[in-house]
Structure formats: C-alpha cells, structure tokens
Amino acid sequence: KGEIRNCYELALSRNPDLYGKLSIQWDIEERGRVSNVIIVGNSLGNKSVADCLVQHLKTWRFPDPPPDQVGRVTYPFVFASQ
C-alpha cells in the first residue's frame, strides 16, 4: 500500500488536482511471480504514476495459482487527494 501511495503522492506534489482510476492487469504464475503487466485503463492520465505502479507490481509476490494454471488479475487503483 505504501508503494502505491508513494507513486501517487510524488505526482500529486507536481499536480495537486490529480485524481482518477488506473486499471492494471497482470498474471500470477508459479511461485506467485507477476508477469504480463499491462495498463488497461488510465483515467488518471498520468504516465509516471502508471509506470511507477507497474514497476512495483512486478516485484510483488502472490499465493501460487493452482498447479499448471496462471491467475489473471485486473484491479482498479483509484486515486484522489484528501
């Protein structure tokens, strides 16, 4: 959660009106590794936040999917300043 917040807050410091949704899709492979990360929607309109999130997401680990299967996740990250 902290990595996600840091990506957004860095961009927010340059653009205080920044808000929106960033939808990311990724696969979870053997040993919970993340692969095939793609942006499927970006109403946030900020490439630096998207790139930052993708880079962090690639380092995350998840529970293993069932044997010989790949888990596909699509998740909407919603950003708004407080």
C-alpha atoms as a PDB file:
ATOM      1  CA  LYS A   1       0.000   0.000   0.000  1.00  0.00           C
ATOM      2  CA  GLY A   2       2.864   2.361   0.786  1.00  0.00           C
ATOM      3  CA  GLU A   3       4.462   1.837  -2.632  1.00  0.00           C
ATOM      4  CA  ILE A   4       1.188   2.697  -4.339  1.00  0.00           C
ATOM      5  CA  ARG A   5       0.689   5.791  -2.210  1.00  0.00           C
ATOM      6  CA  ASN A   6       4.248   6.976  -2.867  1.00  0.00           C
ATOM      7  CA  CYS A   7       3.790   6.704  -6.643  1.00  0.00           C
ATOM      8  CA  TYR A   8       0.669   8.849  -6.464  1.00  0.00           C
ATOM      9  CA  GLU A   9       1.920  11.376  -3.911  1.00  0.00           C
ATOM     10  CA  LEU A  10       5.055  12.116  -5.911  1.00  0.00           C
ATOM     11  CA  ALA A  11       2.934  13.040  -8.937  1.00  0.00           C
ATOM     12  CA  LEU A  12       0.394  14.836  -6.730  1.00  0.00           C
ATOM     13  CA  SER A  13       3.117  17.160  -5.436  1.00  0.00           C
ATOM     14  CA  ARG A  14       3.567  18.345  -9.047  1.00  0.00           C
ATOM     15  CA  ASN A  15      -0.156  18.389  -9.896  1.00  0.00           C
ATOM     16  CA  PRO A  16      -2.443  18.977  -6.877  1.00  0.00           C
ATOM     17  CA  ASP A  17      -5.579  18.379  -8.992  1.00  0.00           C
ATOM     18  CA  LEU A  18      -4.525  14.842  -9.972  1.00  0.00           C
ATOM     19  CA  TYR A  19      -7.211  12.185  -9.486  1.00  0.00           C
ATOM     20  CA  GLY A  20      -8.679   9.244 -11.343  1.00  0.00           C
ATOM     21  CA  LYS A  21      -8.520   5.496 -11.817  1.00  0.00           C
ATOM     22  CA  LEU A  22      -5.699   3.323 -13.082  1.00  0.00           C
ATOM     23  CA  SER A  23      -6.728  -0.223 -14.051  1.00  0.00           C
ATOM     24  CA  ILE A  24      -3.908  -2.737 -14.298  1.00  0.00           C
ATOM     25  CA  GLN A  25      -3.991  -6.359 -15.450  1.00  0.00           C
ATOM     26  CA  TRP A  26      -1.351  -8.932 -14.563  1.00  0.00           C
ATOM     27  CA  ASP A  27      -0.779 -12.658 -14.466  1.00  0.00           C
ATOM     28  CA  ILE A  28       0.264 -14.634 -11.399  1.00  0.00           C
ATOM     29  CA  GLU A  29       2.483 -17.539 -12.331  1.00  0.00           C
ATOM     30  CA  GLU A  30       4.251 -20.326 -10.499  1.00  0.00           C
ATOM     31  CA  ARG A  31       5.678 -19.313  -7.108  1.00  0.00           C
ATOM     32  CA  GLY A  32       3.394 -16.261  -7.123  1.00  0.00           C
ATOM     33  CA  ARG A  33       5.508 -14.319  -9.609  1.00  0.00           C
ATOM     34  CA  VAL A  34       3.924 -11.460 -11.521  1.00  0.00           C
ATOM     35  CA  SER A  35       4.168 -11.319 -15.315  1.00  0.00           C
ATOM     36  CA  ASN A  36       2.486  -9.688 -18.312  1.00  0.00           C
ATOM     37  CA  VAL A  37       1.605  -6.438 -16.544  1.00  0.00           C
ATOM     38  CA  ILE A  38      -0.440  -4.068 -18.709  1.00  0.00           C
ATOM     39  CA  ILE A  39      -2.406  -0.879 -18.177  1.00  0.00           C
ATOM     40  CA  VAL A  40      -5.994  -1.494 -19.296  1.00  0.00           C
ATOM     41  CA  GLY A  41      -7.395   1.909 -18.314  1.00  0.00           C
ATOM     42  CA  ASN A  42      -5.969   5.232 -17.173  1.00  0.00           C
ATOM     43  CA  SER A  43      -8.449   8.000 -16.399  1.00  0.00           C
ATOM     44  CA  LEU A  44      -5.751   9.379 -14.086  1.00  0.00           C
ATOM     45  CA  GLY A  45      -3.954  10.417 -17.267  1.00  0.00           C
ATOM     46  CA  ASN A  46      -0.526  10.328 -15.638  1.00  0.00           C
ATOM     47  CA  LYS A  47       2.103   8.108 -17.213  1.00  0.00           C
ATOM     48  CA  SER A  48       4.598   8.482 -14.352  1.00  0.00           C
ATOM     49  CA  VAL A  49       2.151   7.061 -11.795  1.00  0.00           C
ATOM     50  CA  ALA A  50       1.279   4.212 -14.159  1.00  0.00           C
ATOM     51  CA  ASP A  51       4.941   3.398 -14.831  1.00  0.00           C
ATOM     52  CA  CYS A  52       5.783   3.552 -11.119  1.00  0.00           C
ATOM     53  CA  LEU A  53       2.951   1.181 -10.197  1.00  0.00           C
ATOM     54  CA  VAL A  54       3.873  -1.276 -12.937  1.00  0.00           C
ATOM     55  CA  GLN A  55       7.499  -1.356 -11.756  1.00  0.00           C
ATOM     56  CA  HIS A  56       6.481  -2.034  -8.145  1.00  0.00           C
ATOM     57  CA  LEU A  57       3.847  -4.582  -9.128  1.00  0.00           C
ATOM     58  CA  LYS A  58       6.447  -6.653 -10.959  1.00  0.00           C
ATOM     59  CA  THR A  59       8.254  -7.181  -7.639  1.00  0.00           C
ATOM     60  CA  TRP A  60       5.204  -8.344  -5.672  1.00  0.00           C
ATOM     61  CA  ARG A  61       4.541 -11.985  -4.812  1.00  0.00           C
ATOM     62  CA  PHE A  62       1.135 -13.612  -4.519  1.00  0.00           C
ATOM     63  CA  PRO A  63      -0.071 -17.040  -3.433  1.00  0.00           C
ATOM     64  CA  ASP A  64       0.537 -19.740  -6.031  1.00  0.00           C
ATOM     65  CA  PRO A  65      -2.247 -20.323  -8.537  1.00  0.00           C
ATOM     66  CA  PRO A  66      -3.490 -23.915  -8.941  1.00  0.00           C
ATOM     67  CA  PRO A  67      -0.907 -26.272 -10.500  1.00  0.00           C
ATOM     68  CA  ASP A  68      -0.307 -25.724 -14.222  1.00  0.00           C
ATOM     69  CA  GLN A  69      -2.500 -22.620 -14.260  1.00  0.00           C
ATOM     70  CA  VAL A  70      -1.946 -18.883 -14.431  1.00  0.00           C
ATOM     71  CA  GLY A  71      -4.082 -16.482 -12.430  1.00  0.00           C
ATOM     72  CA  ARG A  72      -5.153 -13.308 -14.212  1.00  0.00           C
ATOM     73  CA  VAL A  73      -6.000 -10.235 -12.159  1.00  0.00           C
ATOM     74  CA  THR A  74      -7.472  -6.916 -13.238  1.00  0.00           C
ATOM     75  CA  TYR A  75      -7.538  -4.356 -10.459  1.00  0.00           C
ATOM     76  CA  PRO A  76      -8.683  -0.707 -10.413  1.00  0.00           C
ATOM     77  CA  PHE A  77      -6.489   1.599  -8.336  1.00  0.00           C
ATOM     78  CA  VAL A  78      -8.492   4.736  -7.518  1.00  0.00           C
ATOM     79  CA  PHE A  79      -6.645   7.922  -6.586  1.00  0.00           C
ATOM     80  CA  ALA A  80      -7.968  11.124  -5.028  1.00  0.00           C
ATOM     81  CA  SER A  81      -6.228  13.691  -2.838  1.00  0.00           C
ATOM     82  CA  GLN A  82      -7.524  14.049   0.681  1.00  0.00           C
END
